[in-house]
Amino acid sequence: MEWSPVTRQTMTALVSAMVFVGLAIGLAVIPVPFVVFTPGGAVDVMATNEEGEPLVDLGSVQTYPTTGRLEMTTVAVTQVSGTVGVPEAILAHFLPSRETLPREAYYREGVTADEIDQQSSTDMTTSQDSALIAALREAGQPVEERPEVASVTSAGPAEGLLQAGDLIVEVGGVTTRAPSEVTSLIGRYEVGDEVTFLILREGREMTIPVVLGASNSDTGAPIVGIELTTGYRATPQVSYNVDPAIGGPSAGLIFALAIYDKITPEPLLGDLTIAGSGEITPDGVVGEIGGVDEKIAAAERSGATAFLTPAGNCADITSNHPDIAVVPVSSLAEAIDAVDLLRDPATAGQVPRC
């Protein structure tokens, strides 16, 4: 039995359609090696959480009434265990305030979700600590510098005794103010000597004896087995009652502004809703961030009238944001000055824009 021409054409069309549908499904479900960034949310750090706790709580330290809203912004990014299909990658590439990056440029090969969460949490804690010191300094309140344990050498003399984050108050009964002083004091001892460290750990003073070991490069040189950096001791103990799922270092600027506003008599924000993002150092220097377009879009959706961004990120802004003033800042002091100008309609036009 022969196929009629019409039937043959119909079969060809049917097969072609099935192939097309199969290819479309394949393109939709087969993952591509990218991660996608989209706007996240905005959180007013001057507000309280569901339990009624201030998101930035300075405890018993004297604070002053504040007004307005100060929002940290977030970005939603493909999880390390997640996948991105071709349609999603294409849409993210062309839609405003979206971004795609090669997966290997964002996630190190072999990294696990737990490792990423731990690093994100550590970065958040570091940003919070730096925000406190920067805000106190900008407000003219005392901050005490101390040597801080940056890391402890595995199998070294101090392993299991000293910890990263310990502030060293004394070495062998001698007060220390800088990492170089700790190194100098250790050099006065011999290999095998026991040295007593007075440290500050999580607000409590502790005495830790350590038996000095020998350097691998010079067996006569005593070592503790620690790396040192500059740490800080300050009176306020801040509790950050934010969602623990929010991590990373880029909320530092907003936390610093929140603390500054709380510990200074005059309200900083007035009736403004200000959003922003930026890493911050204890010296108040504002560092660049990732996902700036997405964070500005999140701020726009929340109703913020201005977004404080690291000055170095101005060149990274590719989307048009007509409903919000994007203000570049390089330091906490510049951010405070910008908000002061924005608060008064007569001076708001003087604020620089990206």
Protein backbone atom coordinates (compact mmCIF):
# COMPACT_ATOMS: atom_id res chain seq x y z
CA MET A 1 0.00 0.00 0.00
CA GLU A 2 1.45 3.35 -1.01
CA TRP A 3 1.36 6.49 1.11
CA SER A 4 -0.50 9.34 -0.47
CA PRO A 5 1.46 12.57 -0.95
CA VAL A 6 -0.75 14.28 1.62
CA THR A 7 -0.09 11.57 4.21
CA ARG A 8 3.66 11.67 3.56
CA GLN A 9 3.70 15.44 4.03
CA THR A 10 1.65 15.11 7.20
CA MET A 11 4.09 12.54 8.58
CA THR A 12 7.05 14.75 7.75
CA ALA A 13 5.45 17.69 9.53
CA LEU A 14 4.63 15.52 12.53
CA VAL A 15 8.18 14.20 12.81
CA SER A 16 9.59 17.71 12.42
CA ALA A 17 7.28 18.97 15.15
CA MET A 18 8.31 16.15 17.47
CA VAL A 19 11.99 16.87 16.83
CA PHE A 20 11.41 20.58 17.49
CA VAL A 21 9.54 19.86 20.74
CA GLY A 22 12.29 17.45 21.81
CA LEU A 23 14.98 20.03 21.14
CA ALA A 24 12.99 22.71 22.98
CA ILE A 25 12.54 20.46 26.00
CA GLY A 26 16.22 19.57 25.90
CA LEU A 27 17.24 23.21 25.80
CA ALA A 28 14.92 23.96 28.69
CA VAL A 29 16.11 21.20 31.00
CA ILE A 30 19.77 20.68 30.07
CA PRO A 31 21.82 22.82 32.47
CA VAL A 32 24.38 25.32 31.26
CA PRO A 33 27.49 26.31 33.26
CA PHE A 34 26.25 29.68 34.49
CA VAL A 35 24.83 31.27 37.63
CA VAL A 36 22.09 33.89 37.50
CA PHE A 37 21.76 37.01 39.66
CA THR A 38 18.35 38.60 40.22
CA PRO A 39 17.14 41.35 42.60
CA GLY A 40 16.55 40.12 46.13
CA GLY A 41 14.85 41.96 48.98
CA ALA A 42 15.42 45.05 51.11
CA VAL A 43 15.54 44.94 54.91
CA ASP A 44 15.13 48.01 57.11
CA VAL A 45 17.91 47.57 59.68
CA MET A 46 16.38 50.29 61.90
CA ALA A 47 13.30 48.12 62.43
CA THR A 48 12.61 45.14 64.72
CA ASN A 49 12.19 41.45 63.92
CA GLU A 50 9.08 39.34 64.53
CA GLU A 51 10.09 38.89 68.17
CA GLY A 52 10.25 42.63 68.68
CA GLU A 53 14.07 42.71 68.86
CA PRO A 54 15.93 45.56 67.14
CA LEU A 55 17.77 44.25 64.10
CA VAL A 56 20.78 46.26 65.28
CA ASP A 57 20.75 46.12 69.10
CA LEU A 58 23.38 48.02 71.09
CA GLY A 59 22.19 46.62 74.41
CA SER A 60 22.86 48.86 77.40
CA VAL A 61 24.80 51.49 75.44
CA GLN A 62 23.13 54.90 75.35
CA THR A 63 21.30 55.40 72.08
CA TYR A 64 19.08 58.12 70.67
CA PRO A 65 15.75 58.05 68.78
CA THR A 66 15.98 57.52 65.05
CA THR A 67 13.62 58.19 62.17
CA GLY A 68 13.33 57.08 58.56
CA ARG A 69 14.29 53.76 56.99
CA LEU A 70 17.76 52.38 56.28
CA GLU A 71 17.72 49.34 54.05
CA MET A 72 20.29 46.71 53.24
CA THR A 73 19.64 45.08 49.90
CA THR A 74 20.23 41.51 48.79
CA VAL A 75 20.71 39.54 45.60
CA ALA A 76 19.22 36.17 44.73
CA VAL A 77 21.83 33.92 43.11
CA THR A 78 21.74 30.37 41.79
CA GLN A 79 22.74 28.00 44.59
CA VAL A 80 25.82 25.80 44.19
CA SER A 81 23.52 22.77 43.98
CA GLY A 82 21.15 24.51 41.56
CA THR A 83 21.12 24.52 37.79
CA VAL A 84 20.39 27.09 35.09
CA GLY A 85 18.65 26.22 31.84
CA VAL A 86 19.18 27.92 28.49
CA PRO A 87 15.94 30.01 28.59
CA GLU A 88 16.73 31.30 32.10
CA ALA A 89 20.29 32.21 31.13
CA ILE A 90 19.12 34.03 27.99
CA LEU A 91 16.41 35.96 29.84
CA ALA A 92 18.83 36.96 32.61
CA HIS A 93 21.29 38.18 29.99
CA PHE A 94 18.81 40.48 28.26
CA LEU A 95 16.42 41.56 31.03
CA PRO A 96 17.33 44.68 33.02
CA SER A 97 18.84 44.24 36.50
CA ARG A 98 19.73 40.62 35.80
CA GLU A 99 23.16 39.11 35.27
CA THR A 100 24.76 35.84 34.26
CA LEU A 101 28.25 34.73 35.16
CA PRO A 102 30.21 31.59 34.31
CA ARG A 103 29.78 29.16 37.20
CA GLU A 104 33.54 28.69 37.64
CA ALA A 105 33.97 32.45 38.03
CA TYR A 106 31.61 32.48 41.03
CA TYR A 107 31.96 29.03 42.63
CA ARG A 108 35.33 27.39 43.10
CA GLU A 109 35.53 23.88 41.72
CA GLY A 110 34.67 21.29 44.35
CA VAL A 111 33.16 23.80 46.79
CA THR A 112 30.22 22.48 48.83
CA ALA A 113 27.04 24.23 49.92
CA ASP A 114 28.13 23.97 53.58
CA GLU A 115 31.48 25.60 52.81
CA ILE A 116 29.77 28.44 50.98
CA ASP A 117 27.32 28.98 53.84
CA GLN A 118 30.18 29.01 56.36
CA GLN A 119 32.19 31.53 54.35
CA SER A 120 29.12 33.71 53.85
CA SER A 121 28.41 33.68 57.58
CA THR A 122 32.04 34.50 58.39
CA ASP A 123 32.00 37.40 55.91
CA MET A 124 28.82 38.75 57.50
CA THR A 125 30.32 38.57 61.00
CA THR A 126 33.48 40.33 59.85
CA SER A 127 31.44 43.09 58.19
CA GLN A 128 29.41 43.58 61.38
CA ASP A 129 32.54 43.84 63.53
CA SER A 130 34.12 46.32 61.11
CA ALA A 131 30.89 48.34 60.96
CA LEU A 132 30.90 48.80 64.73
CA ILE A 133 34.50 50.02 64.85
CA ALA A 134 34.02 52.35 61.86
CA ALA A 135 30.85 53.86 63.37
CA LEU A 136 32.41 54.39 66.78
CA ARG A 137 35.42 56.10 65.28
CA GLU A 138 33.27 58.35 63.10
CA ALA A 139 31.21 59.29 66.17
CA GLY A 140 34.36 60.12 68.12
CA GLN A 141 33.96 57.28 70.61
CA PRO A 142 36.96 55.36 71.98
CA VAL A 143 38.26 52.27 70.22
CA GLU A 144 41.22 50.27 71.54
CA GLU A 145 43.57 48.49 69.14
CA ARG A 146 44.94 45.10 70.16
CA PRO A 147 46.89 42.30 68.44
CA GLU A 148 44.45 39.70 67.19
CA VAL A 149 45.01 36.06 66.31
CA ALA A 150 44.22 35.77 62.60
CA SER A 151 44.90 32.03 62.34
CA VAL A 152 46.45 29.15 64.28
CA THR A 153 48.94 26.80 62.62
CA SER A 154 47.80 23.20 62.44
CA ALA A 155 49.87 21.01 64.81
CA GLY A 156 51.62 24.14 66.09
CA PRO A 157 52.24 24.99 69.78
CA ALA A 158 49.03 27.06 70.09
CA GLU A 159 46.67 24.62 68.37
CA GLY A 160 43.70 23.93 70.62
CA LEU A 161 44.74 26.75 72.96
CA LEU A 162 44.51 30.03 71.08
CA GLN A 163 41.79 30.71 68.50
CA ALA A 164 41.30 32.99 65.53
CA GLY A 165 39.67 36.15 66.85
CA ASP A 166 41.41 36.12 70.24
CA LEU A 167 42.65 39.57 71.25
CA ILE A 168 46.05 39.40 72.97
CA VAL A 169 46.11 41.71 75.99
CA GLU A 170 49.38 40.56 77.58
CA VAL A 171 52.30 38.25 76.79
CA GLY A 172 54.15 37.05 79.88
CA GLY A 173 52.57 39.82 81.93
CA VAL A 174 53.59 42.58 79.50
CA THR A 175 50.81 44.61 77.87
CA THR A 176 50.70 44.46 74.08
CA ARG A 177 49.19 47.03 71.73
CA ALA A 178 50.37 45.88 68.29
CA PRO A 179 51.24 42.59 66.52
CA SER A 180 54.90 43.64 66.32
CA GLU A 181 55.05 43.86 70.12
CA VAL A 182 53.84 40.26 70.46
CA THR A 183 56.51 39.08 68.01
CA SER A 184 59.20 41.04 69.87
CA LEU A 185 58.19 39.64 73.27
CA ILE A 186 58.15 36.03 72.01
CA GLY A 187 61.69 36.55 70.70
CA ARG A 188 62.94 37.06 74.26
CA TYR A 189 62.10 33.47 75.20
CA GLU A 190 63.69 30.10 74.41
CA VAL A 191 62.24 27.08 72.64
CA GLY A 192 60.41 25.01 75.25
CA ASP A 193 59.57 27.95 77.53
CA GLU A 194 56.00 28.27 78.74
CA VAL A 195 54.54 31.70 78.05
CA THR A 196 51.29 32.96 79.53
CA PHE A 197 48.92 34.82 77.19
CA LEU A 198 46.19 37.02 78.63
CA ILE A 199 43.53 37.14 75.92
CA LEU A 200 40.07 38.52 75.37
CA ARG A 201 37.68 35.99 73.84
CA GLU A 202 34.02 36.83 73.23
CA GLY A 203 34.19 39.58 75.83
CA ARG A 204 35.84 37.46 78.55
CA GLU A 205 39.45 37.62 79.70
CA MET A 206 41.26 34.27 79.80
CA THR A 207 44.78 33.19 80.74
CA ILE A 208 46.27 30.65 78.31
CA PRO A 209 49.74 29.06 78.83
CA VAL A 210 51.55 28.01 75.62
CA VAL A 211 54.82 26.04 75.40
CA LEU A 212 56.89 27.57 72.60
CA GLY A 213 58.01 25.41 69.71
CA ALA A 214 60.89 25.71 67.27
CA SER A 215 60.81 27.35 63.87
CA ASN A 216 61.29 25.00 60.90
CA SER A 217 63.71 27.43 59.30
CA ASP A 218 65.65 28.20 62.51
CA THR A 219 65.44 25.53 65.21
CA GLY A 220 66.71 27.99 67.79
CA ALA A 221 63.93 30.52 67.17
CA PRO A 222 60.83 30.15 69.38
CA ILE A 223 57.37 30.24 67.78
CA VAL A 224 53.77 30.21 69.00
CA GLY A 225 52.28 28.99 65.73
CA ILE A 226 49.91 31.89 65.08
CA GLU A 227 49.42 34.60 62.49
CA LEU A 228 48.60 38.05 63.84
CA THR A 229 46.58 41.03 62.63
CA THR A 230 45.24 44.20 64.20
CA GLY A 231 42.04 43.75 66.19
CA TYR A 232 39.86 46.12 68.15
CA ARG A 233 38.24 46.34 71.57
CA ALA A 234 35.23 48.59 72.10
CA THR A 235 32.65 49.04 74.84
CA PRO A 236 29.42 48.45 72.86
CA GLN A 237 28.50 44.82 72.24
CA VAL A 238 26.17 44.80 69.25
CA SER A 239 23.62 42.06 68.56
CA TYR A 240 22.51 41.74 64.95
CA ASN A 241 19.11 40.06 64.87
CA VAL A 242 18.89 39.72 61.10
CA ASP A 243 17.86 36.63 59.18
CA PRO A 244 20.82 34.20 59.43
CA ALA A 245 20.21 33.23 55.81
CA ILE A 246 21.52 36.66 54.78
CA GLY A 247 25.29 36.53 54.51
CA GLY A 248 28.29 38.07 52.85
CA PRO A 249 30.27 41.24 53.55
CA SER A 250 28.32 43.85 51.61
CA ALA A 251 25.97 45.02 54.40
CA GLY A 252 28.86 46.62 56.29
CA LEU A 253 28.17 50.19 55.14
CA ILE A 254 24.49 50.03 56.10
CA PHE A 255 25.25 48.49 59.51
CA ALA A 256 27.81 51.24 60.17
CA LEU A 257 25.28 53.95 59.28
CA ALA A 258 22.69 52.32 61.54
CA ILE A 259 25.07 52.23 64.51
CA TYR A 260 26.23 55.79 63.89
CA ASP A 261 22.64 57.02 63.75
CA LYS A 262 21.78 55.25 67.00
CA ILE A 263 24.76 56.54 69.01
CA THR A 264 24.64 60.18 67.86
CA PRO A 265 22.05 62.65 69.22
CA GLU A 266 20.69 64.06 65.95
CA PRO A 267 18.63 61.75 63.68
CA LEU A 268 20.55 61.09 60.48
CA LEU A 269 17.80 60.03 58.09
CA GLY A 270 14.94 62.40 58.79
CA ASP A 271 11.96 61.01 56.86
CA LEU A 272 14.10 59.46 54.13
CA THR A 273 14.20 55.85 53.01
CA ILE A 274 17.82 55.21 52.11
CA ALA A 275 19.18 51.94 50.78
CA GLY A 276 22.70 50.89 50.02
CA SER A 277 25.42 48.30 49.96
CA GLY A 278 29.16 48.20 50.44
CA GLU A 279 31.91 46.44 52.32
CA ILE A 280 33.54 48.50 55.05
CA THR A 281 36.85 48.42 56.89
CA PRO A 282 37.39 49.39 60.53
CA ASP A 283 38.86 52.63 59.16
CA GLY A 284 35.58 53.42 57.42
CA VAL A 285 36.73 52.76 53.85
CA VAL A 286 33.90 51.54 51.61
CA GLY A 287 34.81 48.68 49.27
CA GLU A 288 33.22 47.41 46.07
CA ILE A 289 30.42 44.83 45.91
CA GLY A 290 28.89 42.40 43.46
CA GLY A 291 25.38 42.53 42.00
CA VAL A 292 25.06 46.31 42.17
CA ASP A 293 22.37 46.55 39.46
CA GLU A 294 20.28 43.89 41.19
CA LYS A 295 20.61 45.61 44.57
CA ILE A 296 19.59 48.99 43.14
CA ALA A 297 16.53 47.33 41.59
CA ALA A 298 15.64 45.81 44.98
CA ALA A 299 15.96 49.28 46.54
CA GLU A 300 13.69 50.78 43.88
CA ARG A 301 11.03 48.16 44.56
CA SER A 302 11.16 48.95 48.29
CA GLY A 303 10.47 52.65 47.70
CA ALA A 304 13.94 53.98 48.57
CA THR A 305 14.71 57.39 47.10
CA ALA A 306 18.50 57.00 47.18
CA PHE A 307 20.99 54.14 46.98
CA LEU A 308 24.49 54.49 48.45
CA THR A 309 26.97 52.52 46.37
CA PRO A 310 30.75 52.13 46.54
CA ALA A 311 32.27 54.70 44.17
CA GLY A 312 34.19 51.94 42.43
CA ASN A 313 30.94 50.27 41.39
CA CYS A 314 29.62 53.18 39.32
CA ALA A 315 31.19 51.70 36.18
CA ASP A 316 29.38 48.39 36.83
CA ILE A 317 25.88 49.89 36.65
CA THR A 318 24.45 48.90 33.27
CA SER A 319 20.69 49.22 33.84
CA ASN A 320 18.71 52.44 33.85
CA HIS A 321 17.39 53.38 37.31
CA PRO A 322 15.30 56.54 36.81
CA ASP A 323 13.38 56.35 40.09
CA ILE A 324 16.29 56.41 42.51
CA ALA A 325 19.37 58.56 43.08
CA VAL A 326 22.48 56.36 42.94
CA VAL A 327 25.07 58.06 45.14
CA PRO A 328 28.76 57.03 45.05
CA VAL A 329 30.65 57.01 48.37
CA SER A 330 34.21 56.01 49.24
CA SER A 331 33.98 56.18 53.02
CA LEU A 332 31.53 56.17 55.91
CA ALA A 333 32.16 59.90 56.35
CA GLU A 334 31.15 60.55 52.72
CA ALA A 335 28.01 58.45 53.19
CA ILE A 336 27.00 60.48 56.26
CA ASP A 337 27.65 63.74 54.41
CA ALA A 338 25.56 62.52 51.46
CA VAL A 339 22.61 61.62 53.69
CA ASP A 340 22.87 65.01 55.42
CA LEU A 341 22.53 66.71 52.02
CA LEU A 342 19.75 64.39 50.83
CA ARG A 343 17.71 65.07 53.97
CA ASP A 344 17.24 68.73 52.99
CA PRO A 345 15.45 69.31 49.65
CA ALA A 346 17.42 72.55 49.26
CA THR A 347 20.75 70.67 49.20
CA ALA A 348 19.72 67.28 47.78
CA GLY A 349 20.73 68.37 44.29
CA GLN A 350 24.33 68.84 45.43
CA VAL A 351 24.83 65.12 46.03
CA PRO A 352 26.95 63.45 43.33
CA ARG A 353 25.36 60.71 41.22
CA CYS A 354 26.85 57.75 39.38
